């Protein structure tokens, strides 16, 4: 049974193509530092794919299923779509347990597909620390000495279009349903949405690595592994859209072995893909027209859903 058949409301196949919402990327959630998500529809949220094509395709299938049901879906990726395992780890017996279910890095094919998908679907991806390596950020060494260099070599003639695409990523996403989304922990903030829009991904000091030694809001939201509840509340207060109240920050960046973790009363860490076994991978599904005011409003199996149910 495929993922579409697992959704009770979907009974018969439908070959209707995805709706094309714009000839280019929607300016409400691209080409700005703060993506303003719609006030209604179903929001699907995924974190940290790191080149896992199977998990990416599963999220797309969920989106397509919601669209076929007329649910006006929006698909949000919270950064780090790219930079996966070195092929040496796919040699027999080489895959480490701490990386979860084994997969092959398909970052190049994944991002090229997403560049096309983004022009016909309601979707955006937040800047992650790994994408930042292609948009003015520091060089990363995780599975390769230079993660960005490896991916850009694989992309060949598409390297510059890819860079241009990444530069259009927002830093965070806000909603009218009480939720704010970042890549990493909400350890830093600006004073207002307008102040966020004035930020830049380009390094303000000569060396991009200075982000580690002179942290700023961009650096915190791309790299922070911990934030206090007071820090989370400060970001929530600063980023509330007009007429709305923020209640929780949801982020990725960290590996949560069992799929999600309530870090504080105002922040939740979600693990959809990287470092997780398939049976423990979770995504978020919320109704943008409703209100979510506390972690208890995000229920296991209702809003917090397994990517591979039944495993």
Protein backbone atom coordinates (compact mmCIF):
# COMPACT_ATOMS: atom_id res chain seq x y z
CA UNK A 1 0.00 0.00 0.00
CA UNK A 2 1.45 3.38 -0.95
CA UNK A 3 1.24 6.53 1.12
CA UNK A 4 -1.78 7.90 -0.78
CA UNK A 5 -3.81 4.76 -0.13
CA UNK A 6 -3.04 5.06 3.59
CA UNK A 7 -5.04 8.30 3.83
CA UNK A 8 -8.68 7.34 4.57
CA UNK A 9 -10.24 10.21 2.60
CA UNK A 10 -8.46 9.17 -0.60
CA UNK A 11 -10.24 6.32 -2.35
CA UNK A 12 -9.85 6.49 -6.12
CA UNK A 13 -6.79 7.33 -8.20
CA UNK A 14 -6.74 10.84 -9.60
CA UNK A 15 -4.47 11.86 -12.42
CA UNK A 16 -5.14 15.57 -11.99
CA UNK A 17 -1.79 17.40 -12.19
CA UNK A 18 -0.54 19.68 -9.47
CA UNK A 19 -1.99 23.16 -9.63
CA UNK A 20 0.49 25.66 -10.98
CA UNK A 21 0.23 28.63 -8.66
CA UNK A 22 2.82 30.88 -10.31
CA UNK A 23 5.28 31.00 -13.15
CA UNK A 24 8.01 31.62 -10.61
CA UNK A 25 8.42 31.37 -6.85
CA UNK A 26 5.74 33.02 -4.72
CA UNK A 27 7.10 36.21 -3.11
CA UNK A 28 5.15 35.58 0.08
CA UNK A 29 7.45 32.70 0.97
CA UNK A 30 10.52 33.19 -1.25
CA UNK A 31 12.99 36.06 -1.76
CA UNK A 32 12.58 37.25 1.82
CA UNK A 33 13.90 36.35 5.25
CA UNK A 34 10.45 35.60 6.72
CA UNK A 35 8.06 33.34 4.83
CA UNK A 36 4.44 34.33 5.51
CA UNK A 37 2.48 31.11 5.19
CA UNK A 38 -1.20 31.05 4.15
CA UNK A 39 -3.99 31.49 6.70
CA UNK A 40 -5.77 28.32 5.63
CA UNK A 41 -5.00 24.90 4.24
CA UNK A 42 -3.06 21.90 5.49
CA UNK A 43 0.58 22.47 6.40
CA UNK A 44 3.01 19.55 6.05
CA UNK A 45 6.42 20.00 7.68
CA UNK A 46 9.62 18.01 7.23
CA UNK A 47 13.13 18.48 8.62
CA UNK A 48 16.70 17.53 7.69
CA UNK A 49 16.52 15.28 4.62
CA UNK A 50 20.26 15.43 3.91
CA UNK A 51 19.87 13.98 0.43
CA UNK A 52 17.41 11.21 1.32
CA UNK A 53 15.38 10.92 -1.89
CA UNK A 54 12.94 8.32 -0.53
CA UNK A 55 11.88 10.53 2.38
CA UNK A 56 11.64 13.55 0.09
CA UNK A 57 9.43 11.67 -2.35
CA UNK A 58 7.24 10.52 0.54
CA UNK A 59 6.64 14.13 1.58
CA UNK A 60 5.76 15.01 -2.01
CA UNK A 61 3.29 12.12 -2.16
CA UNK A 62 1.65 13.35 1.02
CA UNK A 63 1.35 16.82 -0.51
CA UNK A 64 -0.15 15.44 -3.72
CA UNK A 65 -2.65 13.36 -1.75
CA UNK A 66 -3.76 16.42 0.23
CA UNK A 67 -4.10 18.43 -2.97
CA UNK A 68 -6.24 15.76 -4.59
CA UNK A 69 -8.55 15.94 -1.60
CA UNK A 70 -8.90 19.70 -2.05
CA UNK A 71 -7.09 20.54 1.19
CA UNK A 72 -4.95 23.41 -0.15
CA UNK A 73 -1.72 21.93 1.21
CA UNK A 74 1.52 23.75 1.86
CA UNK A 75 4.78 21.80 2.11
CA UNK A 76 7.50 23.29 4.32
CA UNK A 77 11.02 21.90 4.54
CA UNK A 78 12.99 23.24 7.52
CA UNK A 79 16.42 23.28 5.91
CA UNK A 80 19.30 20.85 5.36
CA UNK A 81 17.76 19.16 2.34
CA UNK A 82 21.26 18.52 0.98
CA UNK A 83 24.66 17.04 1.93
CA UNK A 84 24.29 13.34 2.69
CA UNK A 85 26.55 10.41 3.55
CA UNK A 86 29.83 9.69 1.82
CA UNK A 87 29.39 6.72 -0.58
CA UNK A 88 32.05 4.88 1.41
CA UNK A 89 29.47 4.46 4.16
CA UNK A 90 27.33 2.43 1.74
CA UNK A 91 30.01 -0.23 1.45
CA UNK A 92 29.07 -3.58 3.08
CA UNK A 93 29.20 -3.31 6.86
CA UNK A 94 30.24 0.36 6.86
CA UNK A 95 26.94 2.02 7.75
CA UNK A 96 26.93 3.19 11.41
CA UNK A 97 23.89 2.56 13.58
CA UNK A 98 23.73 6.17 14.73
CA UNK A 99 22.80 7.31 11.20
CA UNK A 100 19.49 5.43 11.31
CA UNK A 101 18.14 3.57 8.28
CA UNK A 102 20.75 3.33 5.53
CA UNK A 103 20.31 5.40 2.38
CA UNK A 104 22.43 6.80 -0.44
CA UNK A 105 23.02 10.50 -0.81
CA UNK A 106 21.03 11.84 -3.76
CA UNK A 107 21.34 15.52 -2.94
CA UNK A 108 21.93 16.63 -6.53
CA UNK A 109 18.91 14.82 -7.96
CA UNK A 110 16.77 15.84 -4.98
CA UNK A 111 17.48 19.56 -5.20
CA UNK A 112 17.09 19.63 -8.98
CA UNK A 113 13.69 18.02 -8.58
CA UNK A 114 12.73 20.48 -5.84
CA UNK A 115 13.74 23.43 -8.01
CA UNK A 116 11.08 22.30 -10.50
CA UNK A 117 8.51 21.28 -7.88
CA UNK A 118 8.75 24.67 -6.15
CA UNK A 119 7.45 26.42 -9.27
CA UNK A 120 4.21 24.45 -9.37
CA UNK A 121 3.47 23.73 -5.70
CA UNK A 122 2.80 25.72 -2.54
CA UNK A 123 6.11 25.05 -0.85
CA UNK A 124 9.25 26.62 0.51
CA UNK A 125 12.41 25.53 2.26
CA UNK A 126 14.09 27.35 5.11
CA UNK A 127 17.78 28.09 5.00
CA UNK A 128 19.75 25.46 6.88
CA UNK A 129 23.40 25.60 7.84
CA UNK A 130 24.14 23.18 4.99
CA UNK A 131 22.39 25.31 2.36
CA UNK A 132 24.18 28.33 3.78
CA UNK A 133 27.48 26.86 2.54
CA UNK A 134 26.20 27.73 -0.96
CA UNK A 135 24.94 31.21 -0.05
CA UNK A 136 27.77 33.01 1.72
CA UNK A 137 28.17 30.74 4.73
CA UNK A 138 31.17 28.76 6.00
CA UNK A 139 32.53 25.66 4.30
CA UNK A 140 31.22 22.49 5.92
CA UNK A 141 33.02 19.22 6.59
CA UNK A 142 30.63 16.46 7.62
CA UNK A 143 30.95 13.51 5.25
CA UNK A 144 33.40 15.23 2.90
CA UNK A 145 36.16 17.77 3.41
CA UNK A 146 34.06 20.30 1.51
CA UNK A 147 30.37 19.39 1.39
CA UNK A 148 29.44 22.33 -0.79
CA UNK A 149 32.22 21.65 -3.27
CA UNK A 150 31.18 18.01 -3.69
CA UNK A 151 27.54 18.88 -4.37
CA UNK A 152 28.33 21.73 -6.74
CA UNK A 153 30.68 19.47 -8.70
CA UNK A 154 27.86 16.94 -9.05
CA UNK A 155 25.50 19.67 -10.26
CA UNK A 156 27.80 20.67 -13.12
CA UNK A 157 26.17 23.31 -15.34
CA UNK A 158 23.32 23.64 -12.83
CA UNK A 159 25.65 24.90 -10.12
CA UNK A 160 24.85 28.59 -10.59
CA UNK A 161 21.06 28.12 -10.97
CA UNK A 162 21.22 26.07 -7.77
CA UNK A 163 23.11 28.82 -5.95
CA UNK A 164 20.62 31.40 -7.16
CA UNK A 165 17.76 29.20 -5.94
CA UNK A 166 19.28 28.68 -2.49
CA UNK A 167 19.78 32.43 -2.08
CA UNK A 168 16.00 32.82 -2.23
CA UNK A 169 15.39 30.67 0.87
CA UNK A 170 13.74 32.32 3.90
CA UNK A 171 15.32 32.13 7.35
CA UNK A 172 12.08 31.35 9.19
CA UNK A 173 8.39 30.84 8.52
CA UNK A 174 5.47 32.35 10.42
CA UNK A 175 1.81 31.38 10.48
CA UNK A 176 -1.50 32.57 11.92
CA UNK A 177 -2.02 29.22 13.68
CA UNK A 178 0.42 29.86 16.54
CA UNK A 179 3.49 28.15 15.08
CA UNK A 180 6.84 29.54 13.96
CA UNK A 181 9.42 27.43 12.13
CA UNK A 182 13.21 27.69 12.13
CA UNK A 183 16.01 25.37 11.09
CA UNK A 184 17.94 25.27 14.37
CA UNK A 185 17.03 26.09 17.95
CA UNK A 186 15.58 29.60 18.49
CA UNK A 187 18.56 30.93 20.45
CA UNK A 188 18.56 34.34 18.78
CA UNK A 189 16.05 36.85 17.50
CA UNK A 190 15.59 40.32 16.09
CA UNK A 191 13.13 42.81 17.54
CA UNK A 192 10.50 42.59 14.81
CA UNK A 193 9.58 41.03 11.49
CA UNK A 194 10.86 44.15 9.73
CA UNK A 195 14.21 43.74 11.47
CA UNK A 196 14.36 40.12 10.30
CA UNK A 197 13.77 41.25 6.73
CA UNK A 198 16.84 43.50 6.98
CA UNK A 199 19.14 40.54 7.68
CA UNK A 200 21.41 39.02 5.06
CA UNK A 201 23.03 35.64 4.48
CA UNK A 202 26.24 37.26 3.29
CA UNK A 203 29.00 37.33 5.93
CA UNK A 204 29.33 40.68 7.68
CA UNK A 205 32.95 39.94 8.60
CA UNK A 206 35.76 38.97 6.18
CA UNK A 207 35.64 35.24 6.88
CA UNK A 208 32.34 33.29 6.77
CA UNK A 209 33.59 31.16 9.66
CA UNK A 210 33.37 34.28 11.84
CA UNK A 211 29.74 33.30 12.35
CA UNK A 212 31.05 30.88 14.99
CA UNK A 213 33.04 33.51 16.88
CA UNK A 214 30.73 36.50 16.45
CA UNK A 215 27.30 34.87 16.43
CA UNK A 216 24.33 36.82 15.15
CA UNK A 217 20.67 35.99 14.62
CA UNK A 218 21.33 34.24 11.31
CA UNK A 219 24.07 32.17 12.90
CA UNK A 220 21.94 31.21 15.87
CA UNK A 221 18.97 30.13 13.76
CA UNK A 222 21.19 28.04 11.48
CA UNK A 223 23.49 26.45 14.06
CA UNK A 224 22.15 26.60 17.64
CA UNK A 225 21.63 23.23 19.30
CA UNK A 226 19.96 24.58 22.41
CA UNK A 227 17.65 27.45 23.31
CA UNK A 228 16.09 28.28 26.65
CA UNK A 229 12.37 28.77 26.98
CA UNK A 230 12.97 32.50 27.48
CA UNK A 231 14.86 32.64 24.18
CA UNK A 232 12.07 30.80 22.41
CA UNK A 233 9.47 33.18 23.84
CA UNK A 234 11.52 36.18 22.74
CA UNK A 235 11.52 34.98 19.14
CA UNK A 236 7.81 34.16 19.31
CA UNK A 237 7.01 37.67 20.54
CA UNK A 238 9.11 39.34 17.86
CA UNK A 239 7.73 37.35 14.94
CA UNK A 240 3.97 37.38 15.50
CA UNK A 241 2.18 38.41 12.30
CA UNK A 242 -0.32 41.26 12.57
CA UNK A 243 -3.47 40.05 14.29
CA UNK A 244 -1.88 36.77 15.43
CA UNK A 245 -0.22 35.34 18.53
CA UNK A 246 2.69 32.91 18.39
CA UNK A 247 2.81 30.02 20.84
CA UNK A 248 5.48 27.51 19.75
CA UNK A 249 8.65 27.23 17.70
CA UNK A 250 9.21 24.01 15.78
CA UNK A 251 12.71 23.29 14.46
CA UNK A 252 15.00 20.52 13.27
CA UNK A 253 18.83 20.44 13.09
CA UNK A 254 19.13 18.01 16.00
CA UNK A 255 18.56 14.25 15.84
CA UNK A 256 15.70 13.07 18.04
CA UNK A 257 15.89 9.29 18.13
CA UNK A 258 12.13 8.78 18.51
CA UNK A 259 11.05 11.45 16.04
CA UNK A 260 10.18 14.50 18.12
CA UNK A 261 10.89 16.06 21.48
CA UNK A 262 9.20 18.81 23.49
CA UNK A 263 12.30 20.78 24.45
CA UNK A 264 10.52 23.46 26.50
CA UNK A 265 6.87 24.57 26.82
CA UNK A 266 7.42 26.73 23.74
CA UNK A 267 9.65 24.69 21.45
CA UNK A 268 9.58 21.28 19.78
CA UNK A 269 12.33 19.54 17.84
CA UNK A 270 11.16 17.36 14.93
CA UNK A 271 13.18 14.62 13.18
CA UNK A 272 11.78 13.52 9.83
CA UNK A 273 14.73 11.88 8.16
CA UNK A 274 18.44 12.17 8.89
CA UNK A 275 19.87 9.95 11.62
CA UNK A 276 16.53 8.26 12.27
CA UNK A 277 15.29 4.73 11.61
CA UNK A 278 12.32 4.65 9.26
CA UNK A 279 9.90 3.50 11.96
CA UNK A 280 10.71 6.59 14.07
CA UNK A 281 10.57 9.30 11.39
CA UNK A 282 7.90 11.95 11.98
CA UNK A 283 6.46 14.87 10.06
CA UNK A 284 3.97 17.52 11.14
CA UNK A 285 0.48 17.97 9.70
CA UNK A 286 -1.53 20.95 10.96
CA UNK A 287 -4.56 22.95 9.86
CA UNK A 288 -3.46 26.52 9.20
CA UNK A 289 -6.93 27.84 10.04
CA UNK A 290 -6.81 26.45 13.61
CA UNK A 291 -4.88 27.48 16.71
CA UNK A 292 -2.13 25.46 18.41
CA UNK A 293 -1.30 26.97 21.78
CA UNK A 294 0.78 24.34 23.60
CA UNK A 295 2.69 21.13 22.87
CA UNK A 296 -0.31 19.06 23.96
CA UNK A 297 -2.22 20.45 20.96
CA UNK A 298 0.19 18.57 18.68
CA UNK A 299 -1.07 15.04 19.16
CA UNK A 300 0.67 11.79 18.36
CA UNK A 301 -0.86 10.32 15.22
CA UNK A 302 -2.96 13.42 14.44
CA UNK A 303 -0.60 16.36 14.02
CA UNK A 304 2.64 14.50 14.72
CA UNK A 305 2.54 11.65 12.22
CA UNK A 306 4.84 8.82 11.27
CA UNK A 307 6.37 9.15 7.83
CA UNK A 308 6.14 5.37 7.44
CA UNK A 309 3.06 4.24 9.41
CA UNK A 310 2.69 0.58 10.19
CA UNK A 311 6.39 -0.17 10.51
